[in-house]
C-alpha atoms as a PDB file:
ATOM      1  CA  MET A   1      35.957 172.240  63.315  1.00  0.00           C
ATOM      2  CA  SER A   2      33.154 174.807  62.962  1.00  0.00           C
ATOM      3  CA  GLN A   3      31.895 175.939  59.556  1.00  0.00           C
ATOM      4  CA  ARG A   4      34.201 178.156  57.519  1.00  0.00           C
ATOM      5  CA  ILE A   5      33.500 181.860  57.124  1.00  0.00           C
ATOM      6  CA  LEU A   6      35.669 182.191  54.008  1.00  0.00           C
ATOM      7  CA  SER A   7      36.374 179.806  51.154  1.00  0.00           C
ATOM      8  CA  GLU A   8      39.901 178.785  50.174  1.00  0.00           C
ATOM      9  CA  GLN A   9      39.665 180.952  47.039  1.00  0.00           C
ATOM     10  CA  GLU A  10      38.638 184.018  49.072  1.00  0.00           C
ATOM     11  CA  VAL A  11      41.571 183.579  51.443  1.00  0.00           C
ATOM     12  CA  ARG A  12      43.974 183.273  48.496  1.00  0.00           C
ATOM     13  CA  LYS A  13      42.614 186.524  47.042  1.00  0.00           C
ATOM     14  CA  PHE A  14      43.398 188.337  50.282  1.00  0.00           C
ATOM     15  CA  PHE A  15      47.040 187.199  50.114  1.00  0.00           C
ATOM     16  CA  PRO A  16      48.202 187.967  46.551  1.00  0.00           C
ATOM     17  CA  LYS A  17      51.321 186.201  45.366  1.00  0.00           C
ATOM     18  CA  GLU A  18      54.164 188.542  44.465  1.00  0.00           C
ATOM     19  CA  GLY A  19      54.127 189.218  40.716  1.00  0.00           C
ATOM     20  CA  GLU A  20      50.793 187.458  40.284  1.00  0.00           C
ATOM     21  CA  LEU A  21      49.351 190.184  38.032  1.00  0.00           C
ATOM     22  CA  GLN A  22      52.455 190.823  35.932  1.00  0.00           C
ATOM     23  CA  PRO A  23      51.593 188.403  33.082  1.00  0.00           C
ATOM     24  CA  PHE A  24      48.168 190.035  32.691  1.00  0.00           C
ATOM     25  CA  ILE A  25      49.643 193.544  32.697  1.00  0.00           C
ATOM     26  CA  TYR A  26      52.235 192.561  30.080  1.00  0.00           C
ATOM     27  CA  GLY A  27      49.458 191.057  27.968  1.00  0.00           C
ATOM     28  CA  ILE A  28      47.405 194.249  28.158  1.00  0.00           C
ATOM     29  CA  LEU A  29      50.440 196.338  27.177  1.00  0.00           C
ATOM     30  CA  PHE A  30      51.132 194.056  24.215  1.00  0.00           C
ATOM     31  CA  ILE A  31      47.532 194.354  22.982  1.00  0.00           C
ATOM     32  CA  ALA A  32      47.579 198.142  23.480  1.00  0.00           C
ATOM     33  CA  VAL A  33      50.853 198.612  21.594  1.00  0.00           C
ATOM     34  CA  THR A  34      49.617 196.386  18.767  1.00  0.00           C
ATOM     35  CA  ALA A  35      46.365 198.361  18.523  1.00  0.00           C
ATOM     36  CA  TRP A  36      48.293 201.642  18.562  1.00  0.00           C
ATOM     37  CA  TYR A  37      50.604 200.464  15.779  1.00  0.00           C
ATOM     38  CA  PHE A  38      47.874 199.108  13.505  1.00  0.00           C
ATOM     39  CA  ILE A  39      44.892 201.345  14.379  1.00  0.00           C
ATOM     40  CA  SER A  40      45.317 204.505  16.520  1.00  0.00           C
ATOM     41  CA  PHE A  41      46.558 205.769  19.876  1.00  0.00           C
ATOM     42  CA  THR A  42      43.012 206.626  21.039  1.00  0.00           C
ATOM     43  CA  ILE A  43      41.703 203.130  20.364  1.00  0.00           C
ATOM     44  CA  ALA A  44      44.775 201.626  22.048  1.00  0.00           C
ATOM     45  CA  ALA A  45      44.294 203.787  25.169  1.00  0.00           C
ATOM     46  CA  ILE A  46      40.591 202.929  25.430  1.00  0.00           C
ATOM     47  CA  LEU A  47      41.270 199.227  24.897  1.00  0.00           C
ATOM     48  CA  ALA A  48      44.027 199.178  27.533  1.00  0.00           C
ATOM     49  CA  ALA A  49      41.814 201.011  30.064  1.00  0.00           C
ATOM     50  CA  VAL A  50      38.903 198.616  29.513  1.00  0.00           C
ATOM     51  CA  LEU A  51      41.076 195.511  29.785  1.00  0.00           C
ATOM     52  CA  PHE A  52      42.873 196.799  32.874  1.00  0.00           C
ATOM     53  CA  GLY A  53      39.559 197.705  34.533  1.00  0.00           C
ATOM     54  CA  ALA A  54      38.156 194.246  33.753  1.00  0.00           C
ATOM     55  CA  MET A  55      41.288 192.585  35.152  1.00  0.00           C
ATOM     56  CA  MET A  56      41.186 194.573  38.403  1.00  0.00           C
ATOM     57  CA  TYR A  57      37.429 194.038  38.813  1.00  0.00           C
ATOM     58  CA  ASN A  58      37.870 190.278  38.451  1.00  0.00           C
ATOM     59  CA  TYR A  59      40.828 190.334  40.846  1.00  0.00           C
ATOM     60  CA  LEU A  60      39.158 192.410  43.560  1.00  0.00           C
ATOM     61  CA  THR A  61      35.704 190.833  43.351  1.00  0.00           C
ATOM     62  CA  GLY A  62      35.310 188.431  46.239  1.00  0.00           C
ATOM     63  CA  ARG A  63      38.400 189.687  48.082  1.00  0.00           C
ATOM     64  CA  PRO A  64      37.435 189.660  51.788  1.00  0.00           C
ATOM     65  CA  ASP A  65      37.827 192.565  54.178  1.00  0.00           C
ATOM     66  CA  PRO A  66      40.488 192.331  56.923  1.00  0.00           C
ATOM     67  CA  GLU A  67      37.666 191.953  59.470  1.00  0.00           C
ATOM     68  CA  LYS A  68      36.680 188.652  57.855  1.00  0.00           C
ATOM     69  CA  ILE A  69      40.271 187.414  57.960  1.00  0.00           C
ATOM     70  CA  ASP A  70      40.302 188.373  61.663  1.00  0.00           C
ATOM     71  CA  ALA A  71      37.091 186.441  62.256  1.00  0.00           C
ATOM     72  CA  GLU A  72      38.315 183.380  60.349  1.00  0.00           C
ATOM     73  CA  TRP A  73      41.568 183.198  62.327  1.00  0.00           C
ATOM     74  CA  HIS A  74      39.714 183.463  65.646  1.00  0.00           C
ATOM     75  CA  ARG A  75      37.205 180.823  64.546  1.00  0.00           C
ATOM     76  CA  VAL A  76      40.063 178.462  63.681  1.00  0.00           C
ATOM     77  CA  ALA A  77      41.813 179.136  67.003  1.00  0.00           C
ATOM     78  CA  LEU A  78      38.660 178.526  69.053  1.00  0.00           C
ATOM     79  CA  SER A  79      38.040 175.260  67.224  1.00  0.00           C
ATOM     80  CA  ARG A  80      41.344 173.933  68.638  1.00  0.00           C
ATOM     81  CA  GLU A  81      40.522 174.476  72.335  1.00  0.00           C
ATOM     82  CA  ASP A  82      38.981 171.038  72.992  1.00  0.00           C
ATOM     83  CA  ILE A  83      41.825 169.398  71.067  1.00  0.00           C
ATOM     84  CA  ALA A  84      44.344 171.243  73.266  1.00  0.00           C
ATOM     85  CA  TYR A  85      42.736 169.906  76.459  1.00  0.00           C
ATOM     86  CA  LYS A  86      42.598 166.405  74.986  1.00  0.00           C
ATOM     87  CA  LYS A  87      46.236 166.391  73.847  1.00  0.00           C
ATOM     88  CA  LEU A  88      47.356 167.669  77.266  1.00  0.00           C
ATOM     89  CA  ASN A  89      45.182 165.036  78.994  1.00  0.00           C
ATOM     90  CA  PHE A  90      43.654 167.709  81.208  1.00  0.00           C
ATOM     91  CA  GLU A  91      40.020 168.263  82.157  1.00  0.00           C
ATOM     92  CA  LYS A  92      38.587 171.713  81.508  1.00  0.00           C
ATOM     93  CA  ASP A  93      36.729 171.831  84.839  1.00  0.00           C
ATOM     94  CA  GLU A  94      40.041 171.366  86.685  1.00  0.00           C
ATOM     95  CA  ALA A  95      41.525 174.565  85.238  1.00  0.00           C
ATOM     96  CA  LEU A  96      42.378 177.517  87.445  1.00  0.00           C
ATOM     97  CA  ARG A  97      40.838 179.918  84.906  1.00  0.00           C
ATOM     98  CA  ASP A  98      39.669 179.926  81.295  1.00  0.00           C
ATOM     99  CA  ALA A  99      42.281 178.975  78.709  1.00  0.00           C
ATOM    100  CA  GLN A 100      43.580 181.680  76.348  1.00  0.00           C
ATOM    101  CA  TYR A 101      45.193 181.651  72.929  1.00  0.00           C
ATOM    102  CA  PHE A 102      47.421 183.883  70.834  1.00  0.00           C
ATOM    103  CA  PHE A 103      48.984 183.789  67.375  1.00  0.00           C
ATOM    104  CA  ALA A 104      52.711 183.291  66.776  1.00  0.00           C
ATOM    105  CA  TYR A 105      54.985 183.173  63.738  1.00  0.00           C
ATOM    106  CA  PRO A 106      54.606 179.878  61.822  1.00  0.00           C
ATOM    107  CA  ASP A 107      57.277 177.206  62.015  1.00  0.00           C
ATOM    108  CA  HIS A 108      55.860 175.001  59.230  1.00  0.00           C
ATOM    109  CA  ILE A 109      54.343 175.536  55.773  1.00  0.00           C
ATOM    110  CA  ALA A 110      51.514 173.405  54.388  1.00  0.00           C
ATOM    111  CA  PRO A 111      52.531 170.950  51.630  1.00  0.00           C
ATOM    112  CA  GLY A 112      51.919 172.468  48.202  1.00  0.00           C
ATOM    113  CA  LYS A 113      51.401 175.946  49.661  1.00  0.00           C
ATOM    114  CA  ASP A 114      53.678 178.925  50.163  1.00  0.00           C
ATOM    115  CA  TYR A 115      53.984 181.499  52.915  1.00  0.00           C
ATOM    116  CA  ARG A 116      52.223 184.776  52.121  1.00  0.00           C
ATOM    117  CA  GLU A 117      51.748 187.951  54.110  1.00  0.00           C
ATOM    118  CA  ILE A 118      50.310 191.410  53.630  1.00  0.00           C
ATOM    119  CA  THR A 119      50.829 194.521  55.767  1.00  0.00           C
ATOM    120  CA  ILE A 120      47.831 196.848  55.996  1.00  0.00           C
ATOM    121  CA  PRO A 121      48.315 200.423  57.287  1.00  0.00           C
ATOM    122  CA  LEU A 122      46.188 202.028  60.005  1.00  0.00           C
ATOM    123  CA  ARG A 123      44.784 198.701  61.253  1.00  0.00           C
ATOM    124  CA  GLY A 124      46.280 198.688  64.753  1.00  0.00           C
ATOM    125  CA  PRO A 125      44.635 200.226  67.849  1.00  0.00           C
ATOM    126  CA  ASN A 126      46.973 203.218  67.638  1.00  0.00           C
ATOM    127  CA  GLY A 127      46.895 203.600  63.865  1.00  0.00           C
ATOM    128  CA  GLU A 128      49.923 201.388  63.210  1.00  0.00           C
ATOM    129  CA  SER A 129      50.247 198.859  60.394  1.00  0.00           C
ATOM    130  CA  VAL A 130      49.277 195.225  61.021  1.00  0.00           C
ATOM    131  CA  THR A 131      50.813 192.212  59.265  1.00  0.00           C
ATOM    132  CA  TYR A 132      48.457 189.401  58.223  1.00  0.00           C
ATOM    133  CA  ARG A 133      49.651 185.911  57.211  1.00  0.00           C
ATOM    134  CA  ASN A 134      48.161 182.883  55.531  1.00  0.00           C
ATOM    135  CA  HIS A 135      50.083 180.647  58.000  1.00  0.00           C
ATOM    136  CA  GLN A 136      50.248 181.190  61.772  1.00  0.00           C
ATOM    137  CA  ARG A 137      50.908 179.220  64.923  1.00  0.00           C
ATOM    138  CA  VAL A 138      47.905 178.997  67.218  1.00  0.00           C
ATOM    139  CA  VAL A 139      49.178 178.760  70.808  1.00  0.00           C
ATOM    140  CA  TRP A 140      46.832 177.825  73.647  1.00  0.00           C
ATOM    141  CA  MET A 141      47.734 178.547  77.285  1.00  0.00           C
ATOM    142  CA  ILE A 142      45.946 176.340  79.822  1.00  0.00           C
ATOM    143  CA  TYR A 143      46.159 177.229  83.502  1.00  0.00           C
ATOM    144  CA  GLY A 144      46.119 174.326  85.940  1.00  0.00           C
ATOM    145  CA  ARG A 145      46.234 174.719  89.710  1.00  0.00           C
ATOM    146  CA  ASP A 146      49.766 173.324  89.775  1.00  0.00           C
ATOM    147  CA  GLN A 147      51.001 173.849  86.245  1.00  0.00           C
ATOM    148  CA  LEU A 148      51.002 176.045  83.140  1.00  0.00           C
ATOM    149  CA  MET A 149      50.424 174.078  79.929  1.00  0.00           C
ATOM    150  CA  THR A 150      50.815 175.049  76.275  1.00  0.00           C
ATOM    151  CA  PHE A 151      49.566 173.549  73.037  1.00  0.00           C
ATOM    152  CA  ASP A 152      50.621 174.951  69.675  1.00  0.00           C
ATOM    153  CA  GLU A 153      50.454 174.058  66.015  1.00  0.00           C
ATOM    154  CA  THR A 154      50.784 175.876  62.703  1.00  0.00           C
ATOM    155  CA  ILE A 155      47.609 176.362  60.662  1.00  0.00           C
ATOM    156  CA  CYS A 156      47.253 177.272  56.978  1.00  0.00           C
ATOM    157  CA  LEU A 157      44.204 179.519  56.649  1.00  0.00           C
ATOM    158  CA  GLU A 158      43.693 178.574  52.998  1.00  0.00           C
ATOM    159  CA  ASN A 159      43.006 174.836  53.322  1.00  0.00           C
ATOM    160  CA  LEU A 160      43.021 174.576  57.156  1.00  0.00           C
ATOM    161  CA  TRP A 161      46.008 172.211  57.110  1.00  0.00           C
ATOM    162  CA  ASP A 162      47.548 171.829  60.568  1.00  0.00           C
ATOM    163  CA  SER A 163      51.069 170.780  61.484  1.00  0.00           C
ATOM    164  CA  ARG A 164      52.064 168.277  64.120  1.00  0.00           C
ATOM    165  CA  ASP A 165      51.283 169.833  67.472  1.00  0.00           C
ATOM    166  CA  LYS A 166      53.627 170.534  70.367  1.00  0.00           C
ATOM    167  CA  THR A 167      52.592 170.340  74.019  1.00  0.00           C
ATOM    168  CA  SER A 168      54.462 171.552  77.092  1.00  0.00           C
ATOM    169  CA  GLU A 169      53.800 171.478  80.830  1.00  0.00           C
ATOM    170  CA  PHE A 170      55.510 173.746  83.359  1.00  0.00           C
ATOM    171  CA  PHE A 171      54.913 173.555  87.105  1.00  0.00           C
ATOM    172  CA  TRP A 172      54.225 176.940  88.637  1.00  0.00           C
ATOM    173  CA  GLN A 173      57.055 176.643  91.157  1.00  0.00           C
ATOM    174  CA  ASP A 174      59.497 176.351  88.229  1.00  0.00           C
ATOM    175  CA  VAL A 175      58.142 179.332  86.253  1.00  0.00           C
ATOM    176  CA  SER A 176      60.379 182.329  86.987  1.00  0.00           C
ATOM    177  CA  SER A 177      58.768 184.938  84.756  1.00  0.00           C
ATOM    178  CA  ILE A 178      56.816 185.715  81.612  1.00  0.00           C
ATOM    179  CA  ASP A 179      57.542 188.740  79.429  1.00  0.00           C
ATOM    180  CA  PHE A 180      56.378 190.275  76.184  1.00  0.00           C
ATOM    181  CA  ASP A 181      59.181 192.073  74.361  1.00  0.00           C
ATOM    182  CA  GLU A 182      57.594 194.763  72.163  1.00  0.00           C
ATOM    183  CA  ARG A 183      60.920 195.379  70.403  1.00  0.00           C
ATOM    184  CA  THR A 184      60.897 191.902  68.893  1.00  0.00           C
ATOM    185  CA  ASP A 185      57.202 190.995  69.352  1.00  0.00           C
ATOM    186  CA  THR A 186      58.139 187.910  71.349  1.00  0.00           C
ATOM    187  CA  LEU A 187      56.374 186.260  74.288  1.00  0.00           C
ATOM    188  CA  GLU A 188      58.942 184.609  76.585  1.00  0.00           C
ATOM    189  CA  VAL A 189      58.328 182.159  79.425  1.00  0.00           C
ATOM    190  CA  VAL A 190      61.323 181.455  81.689  1.00  0.00           C
ATOM    191  CA  VAL A 191      61.156 178.024  83.327  1.00  0.00           C
ATOM    192  CA  GLY A 192      64.008 176.631  85.419  1.00  0.00           C
ATOM    193  CA  GLY A 193      66.444 179.090  83.866  1.00  0.00           C
ATOM    194  CA  LYS A 194      65.445 178.136  80.295  1.00  0.00           C
ATOM    195  CA  THR A 195      63.616 180.612  78.052  1.00  0.00           C
ATOM    196  CA  HIS A 196      60.751 179.346  75.908  1.00  0.00           C
ATOM    197  CA  ALA A 197      60.193 181.952  73.193  1.00  0.00           C
ATOM    198  CA  TYR A 198      57.114 182.469  71.033  1.00  0.00           C
ATOM    199  CA  PRO A 199      57.951 185.056  68.330  1.00  0.00           C
ATOM    200  CA  LEU A 200      54.878 186.753  66.915  1.00  0.00           C
ATOM    201  CA  THR A 201      56.679 188.154  63.873  1.00  0.00           C
ATOM    202  CA  GLY A 202      59.663 187.310  61.676  1.00  0.00           C
ATOM    203  CA  GLY A 203      63.220 188.275  62.518  1.00  0.00           C
ATOM    204  CA  ASP A 204      63.078 191.667  60.782  1.00  0.00           C
ATOM    205  CA  ASN A 205      59.753 192.564  62.412  1.00  0.00           C
ATOM    206  CA  GLU A 206      58.387 192.957  58.850  1.00  0.00           C
ATOM    207  CA  GLY A 207      57.505 196.634  59.210  1.00  0.00           C
ATOM    208  CA  GLY A 208      54.142 195.927  60.830  1.00  0.00           C
ATOM    209  CA  GLU A 209      52.759 194.993  64.229  1.00  0.00           C
ATOM    210  CA  ALA A 210      51.958 191.326  64.783  1.00  0.00           C
ATOM    211  CA  PHE A 211      48.440 190.141  64.086  1.00  0.00           C
ATOM    212  CA  ASP A 212      46.369 190.547  67.294  1.00  0.00           C
ATOM    213  CA  ALA A 213      49.473 191.323  69.386  1.00  0.00           C
ATOM    214  CA  ASP A 214      47.353 192.699  72.251  1.00  0.00           C
ATOM    215  CA  ARG A 215      46.165 189.178  72.993  1.00  0.00           C
ATOM    216  CA  ALA A 216      49.715 188.027  73.813  1.00  0.00           C
ATOM    217  CA  VAL A 217      50.229 191.063  76.068  1.00  0.00           C
ATOM    218  CA  GLU A 218      46.987 190.244  77.906  1.00  0.00           C
ATOM    219  CA  ILE A 219      48.117 186.633  78.423  1.00  0.00           C
ATOM    220  CA  ALA A 220      51.517 187.751  79.759  1.00  0.00           C
ATOM    221  CA  ASN A 221      49.810 190.060  82.270  1.00  0.00           C
ATOM    222  CA  GLY A 222      47.432 187.278  83.328  1.00  0.00           C
ATOM    223  CA  VAL A 223      50.266 184.809  83.950  1.00  0.00           C
ATOM    224  CA  ARG A 224      52.149 187.441  85.966  1.00  0.00           C
ATOM    225  CA  THR A 225      49.092 187.813  88.193  1.00  0.00           C
ATOM    226  CA  ILE A 226      48.962 184.051  88.799  1.00  0.00           C
ATOM    227  CA  LEU A 227      52.705 183.944  89.555  1.00  0.00           C
ATOM    228  CA  ARG A 228      52.341 186.761  92.115  1.00  0.00           C
ATOM    229  CA  GLU A 229      49.433 184.971  93.759  1.00  0.00           C
ATOM    230  CA  LYS A 230      51.352 181.675  93.877  1.00  0.00           C
ATOM    231  CA  LYS A 231      54.474 183.284  95.365  1.00  0.00           C
ATOM    232  CA  SER A 232      52.388 185.295  97.841  1.00  0.00           C
ATOM    233  CA  SER A 233      50.606 182.142  99.076  1.00  0.00           C
ATOM    234  CA  LEU A 234      53.986 180.443  99.573  1.00  0.00           C
ATOM    235  CA  ARG A 235      55.247 183.324 101.749  1.00  0.00           C
ATOM    236  CA  THR A 236      52.128 183.349 103.915  1.00  0.00           C
ATOM    237  CA  SER A 237      51.841 179.576 104.328  1.00  0.00           C
END
């Protein structure tokens, strides 16, 4: 795997744990009230402001920008491409076109870690909110001349733990359709009457667009093009 852009501590700072700052805030309030009771209100207010400022400075220092989280996720995804080809026992030079990847909702959590997410407003291409996660599934689509193959595994961005991977192989003649449902942020591949779903967000859609959702839409459109070409060649042969 290529060199990390962010350290584990930096990633953790981007995804604050709910209630993480409460003990510090309660401590500052206790000190301020004590100072007010024994000294004066002015001293208590100044002391509380200084302590709160120091706490927030320490908390925010080293917190990466969303762009760096973007870059780290894409670096991690790209580092899995060769592994995907190896696990699928398929040679890259035999592919119909370049492989593509997208990010889906995680189905595992790293041991000793917890799932964290943060929704940032005005991050999407149309000004919508975007939900970032510390765990995601990286799904690779590999396009063979006769088959569509997938490789996916859940990654923890903090310590780069990866789950057991899952591989699938679908022959083009069995693939009926591929769709991206924007209402549920789900990429669906229908093969032999069975739907293989890749949800990009949680069940409640979390109030924000999926991380890098446009990539899944692009993949769906690309697979549709291949399906049309395959069906057209069958009609003309």
